[in-house]
Amino acid sequence: MTDSPTIFIAWTTVDSAETAALLARRAVDAGVAACVQVDGPVRSFYKWQGKAETGDEWRLVFKVAGEGIESLEIWLKANHPYETPQWLACRADRVDAAYALWVKGGPVP
């Protein structure tokens, strides 16, 4: 597993299942993510502009090859409906080699 390409997992949330599906499909179609999973609703509790808020959101989980993480972030910020979207990304420490090659767009052994 140590020889597999670097893979990132990244997260954001949106306020509807329709918006989540649209962003997921567009990210894959644009080639900025290999895969996007949508789950929800999840209940979010947060402060926005000093006011306590609660709402249902849908979480998008993106998988992207290491060299594509910056392109995904730029794409997401340009296409996300929130003024300040959640954007979290981390390097996956352990990735199956065949899956990592698929994410990278290469041939799967």
C-alpha atoms as a PDB file:
ATOM      1  CA  MET A   1       0.000   0.000   0.000  1.00  0.00           C
ATOM      2  CA  THR A   2       2.916   2.365   0.477  1.00  0.00           C
ATOM      3  CA  ASP A   3       3.675   2.437  -3.265  1.00  0.00           C
ATOM      4  CA  SER A   4       0.198   3.613  -4.243  1.00  0.00           C
ATOM      5  CA  PRO A   5      -0.377   7.172  -5.529  1.00  0.00           C
ATOM      6  CA  THR A   6      -1.344   9.869  -3.049  1.00  0.00           C
ATOM      7  CA  ILE A   7      -5.108  10.132  -2.589  1.00  0.00           C
ATOM      8  CA  PHE A   8      -7.003  12.900  -0.834  1.00  0.00           C
ATOM      9  CA  ILE A   9     -10.424  12.723   0.764  1.00  0.00           C
ATOM     10  CA  ALA A  10     -12.252  16.049   0.970  1.00  0.00           C
ATOM     11  CA  TRP A  11     -15.566  17.166   2.453  1.00  0.00           C
ATOM     12  CA  THR A  12     -18.115  19.893   2.064  1.00  0.00           C
ATOM     13  CA  THR A  13     -21.794  20.319   2.902  1.00  0.00           C
ATOM     14  CA  VAL A  14     -24.779  21.884   1.143  1.00  0.00           C
ATOM     15  CA  ASP A  15     -28.380  22.601   2.097  1.00  0.00           C
ATOM     16  CA  SER A  16     -30.267  20.169  -0.138  1.00  0.00           C
ATOM     17  CA  ALA A  17     -30.076  16.723  -1.680  1.00  0.00           C
ATOM     18  CA  GLU A  18     -30.597  18.274  -5.124  1.00  0.00           C
ATOM     19  CA  THR A  19     -27.652  20.652  -4.746  1.00  0.00           C
ATOM     20  CA  ALA A  20     -25.478  17.832  -3.416  1.00  0.00           C
ATOM     21  CA  ALA A  21     -26.335  15.602  -6.381  1.00  0.00           C
ATOM     22  CA  LEU A  22     -25.704  18.434  -8.833  1.00  0.00           C
ATOM     23  CA  LEU A  23     -22.284  19.293  -7.344  1.00  0.00           C
ATOM     24  CA  ALA A  24     -21.321  15.610  -7.174  1.00  0.00           C
ATOM     25  CA  ARG A  25     -22.248  14.921 -10.813  1.00  0.00           C
ATOM     26  CA  ARG A  26     -20.584  18.112 -12.064  1.00  0.00           C
ATOM     27  CA  ALA A  27     -17.350  17.435 -10.137  1.00  0.00           C
ATOM     28  CA  VAL A  28     -17.055  13.968 -11.670  1.00  0.00           C
ATOM     29  CA  ASP A  29     -18.047  15.217 -15.138  1.00  0.00           C
ATOM     30  CA  ALA A  30     -15.488  18.052 -14.899  1.00  0.00           C
ATOM     31  CA  GLY A  31     -12.797  15.534 -13.978  1.00  0.00           C
ATOM     32  CA  VAL A  32     -11.883  17.243 -10.703  1.00  0.00           C
ATOM     33  CA  ALA A  33     -12.945  14.210  -8.612  1.00  0.00           C
ATOM     34  CA  ALA A  34     -12.826  10.498  -9.318  1.00  0.00           C
ATOM     35  CA  CYS A  35     -15.768   9.795  -7.045  1.00  0.00           C
ATOM     36  CA  VAL A  36     -18.161  11.768  -4.860  1.00  0.00           C
ATOM     37  CA  GLN A  37     -20.386  10.206  -2.238  1.00  0.00           C
ATOM     38  CA  VAL A  38     -23.379  12.034  -0.799  1.00  0.00           C
ATOM     39  CA  ASP A  39     -24.894  11.315   2.579  1.00  0.00           C
ATOM     40  CA  GLY A  40     -27.490  13.031   4.646  1.00  0.00           C
ATOM     41  CA  PRO A  41     -29.280  14.711   5.877  1.00  0.00           C
ATOM     42  CA  VAL A  42     -26.921  15.452   8.713  1.00  0.00           C
ATOM     43  CA  ARG A  43     -27.886  17.964  11.385  1.00  0.00           C
ATOM     44  CA  SER A  44     -25.448  20.881  11.663  1.00  0.00           C
ATOM     45  CA  PHE A  45     -25.165  23.209  14.646  1.00  0.00           C
ATOM     46  CA  TYR A  46     -23.067  26.325  14.098  1.00  0.00           C
ATOM     47  CA  LYS A  47     -22.793  30.077  14.493  1.00  0.00           C
ATOM     48  CA  TRP A  48     -23.050  32.261  11.418  1.00  0.00           C
ATOM     49  CA  GLN A  49     -22.465  35.987  11.734  1.00  0.00           C
ATOM     50  CA  GLY A  50     -22.841  35.726  15.513  1.00  0.00           C
ATOM     51  CA  LYS A  51     -26.175  33.890  15.434  1.00  0.00           C
ATOM     52  CA  ALA A  52     -26.696  30.267  16.504  1.00  0.00           C
ATOM     53  CA  GLU A  53     -28.033  28.211  13.602  1.00  0.00           C
ATOM     54  CA  THR A  54     -29.256  24.655  13.122  1.00  0.00           C
ATOM     55  CA  GLY A  55     -30.079  23.017   9.836  1.00  0.00           C
ATOM     56  CA  ASP A  56     -30.094  19.876   7.770  1.00  0.00           C
ATOM     57  CA  GLU A  57     -27.220  19.551   5.314  1.00  0.00           C
ATOM     58  CA  TRP A  58     -25.958  16.941   2.883  1.00  0.00           C
ATOM     59  CA  ARG A  59     -22.308  15.940   3.087  1.00  0.00           C
ATOM     60  CA  LEU A  60     -20.242  15.379  -0.052  1.00  0.00           C
ATOM     61  CA  VAL A  61     -17.127  13.219   0.231  1.00  0.00           C
ATOM     62  CA  PHE A  62     -14.718  13.620  -2.682  1.00  0.00           C
ATOM     63  CA  LYS A  63     -11.893  11.277  -3.659  1.00  0.00           C
ATOM     64  CA  VAL A  64      -9.130  12.802  -5.751  1.00  0.00           C
ATOM     65  CA  ALA A  65      -5.568  11.983  -6.740  1.00  0.00           C
ATOM     66  CA  GLY A  66      -2.991  14.077  -4.898  1.00  0.00           C
ATOM     67  CA  GLU A  67      -2.063  16.317  -7.804  1.00  0.00           C
ATOM     68  CA  GLY A  68      -5.732  17.198  -8.347  1.00  0.00           C
ATOM     69  CA  ILE A  69      -6.599  18.499  -4.873  1.00  0.00           C
ATOM     70  CA  GLU A  70      -5.882  22.144  -5.720  1.00  0.00           C
ATOM     71  CA  SER A  71      -7.993  21.996  -8.896  1.00  0.00           C
ATOM     72  CA  LEU A  72     -10.850  20.435  -6.927  1.00  0.00           C
ATOM     73  CA  GLU A  73     -10.645  23.160  -4.282  1.00  0.00           C
ATOM     74  CA  ILE A  74     -10.668  25.945  -6.886  1.00  0.00           C
ATOM     75  CA  TRP A  75     -13.563  24.282  -8.734  1.00  0.00           C
ATOM     76  CA  LEU A  76     -15.552  23.773  -5.526  1.00  0.00           C
ATOM     77  CA  LYS A  77     -15.178  27.371  -4.369  1.00  0.00           C
ATOM     78  CA  ALA A  78     -16.322  28.606  -7.803  1.00  0.00           C
ATOM     79  CA  ASN A  79     -19.360  26.279  -7.860  1.00  0.00           C
ATOM     80  CA  HIS A  80     -20.469  26.059  -4.223  1.00  0.00           C
ATOM     81  CA  PRO A  81     -23.625  27.996  -3.300  1.00  0.00           C
ATOM     82  CA  TYR A  82     -22.419  29.002   0.191  1.00  0.00           C
ATOM     83  CA  GLU A  83     -20.601  32.267   0.812  1.00  0.00           C
ATOM     84  CA  THR A  84     -18.106  30.406   3.004  1.00  0.00           C
ATOM     85  CA  PRO A  85     -18.315  26.684   2.267  1.00  0.00           C
ATOM     86  CA  GLN A  86     -16.925  24.026   4.534  1.00  0.00           C
ATOM     87  CA  TRP A  87     -13.779  22.697   2.891  1.00  0.00           C
ATOM     88  CA  LEU A  88     -11.722  20.022   4.592  1.00  0.00           C
ATOM     89  CA  ALA A  89      -9.198  17.782   2.878  1.00  0.00           C
ATOM     90  CA  CYS A  90      -6.768  15.217   4.175  1.00  0.00           C
ATOM     91  CA  ARG A  91      -4.324  12.764   2.697  1.00  0.00           C
ATOM     92  CA  ALA A  92      -5.442   9.150   2.987  1.00  0.00           C
ATOM     93  CA  ASP A  93      -2.764   7.253   4.934  1.00  0.00           C
ATOM     94  CA  ARG A  94      -3.700   3.790   3.691  1.00  0.00           C
ATOM     95  CA  VAL A  95      -5.197   3.188   0.270  1.00  0.00           C
ATOM     96  CA  ASP A  96      -5.584  -0.055  -1.629  1.00  0.00           C
ATOM     97  CA  ALA A  97      -3.158   0.145  -4.562  1.00  0.00           C
ATOM     98  CA  ALA A  98      -5.732  -0.844  -7.198  1.00  0.00           C
ATOM     99  CA  TYR A  99      -8.245   1.690  -5.856  1.00  0.00           C
ATOM    100  CA  ALA A 100      -5.584   4.408  -5.813  1.00  0.00           C
ATOM    101  CA  LEU A 101      -4.738   3.691  -9.453  1.00  0.00           C
ATOM    102  CA  TRP A 102      -8.432   3.913 -10.347  1.00  0.00           C
ATOM    103  CA  VAL A 103      -8.742   7.294  -8.572  1.00  0.00           C
ATOM    104  CA  LYS A 104      -5.683   8.487 -10.461  1.00  0.00           C
ATOM    105  CA  GLY A 105      -7.301   7.393 -13.728  1.00  0.00           C
ATOM    106  CA  GLY A 106      -4.839   4.667 -14.544  1.00  0.00           C
ATOM    107  CA  PRO A 107      -5.366   1.034 -15.449  1.00  0.00           C
ATOM    108  CA  VAL A 108      -6.460  -1.154 -12.563  1.00  0.00           C
ATOM    109  CA  PRO A 109      -4.380  -4.357 -12.309  1.00  0.00           C
END
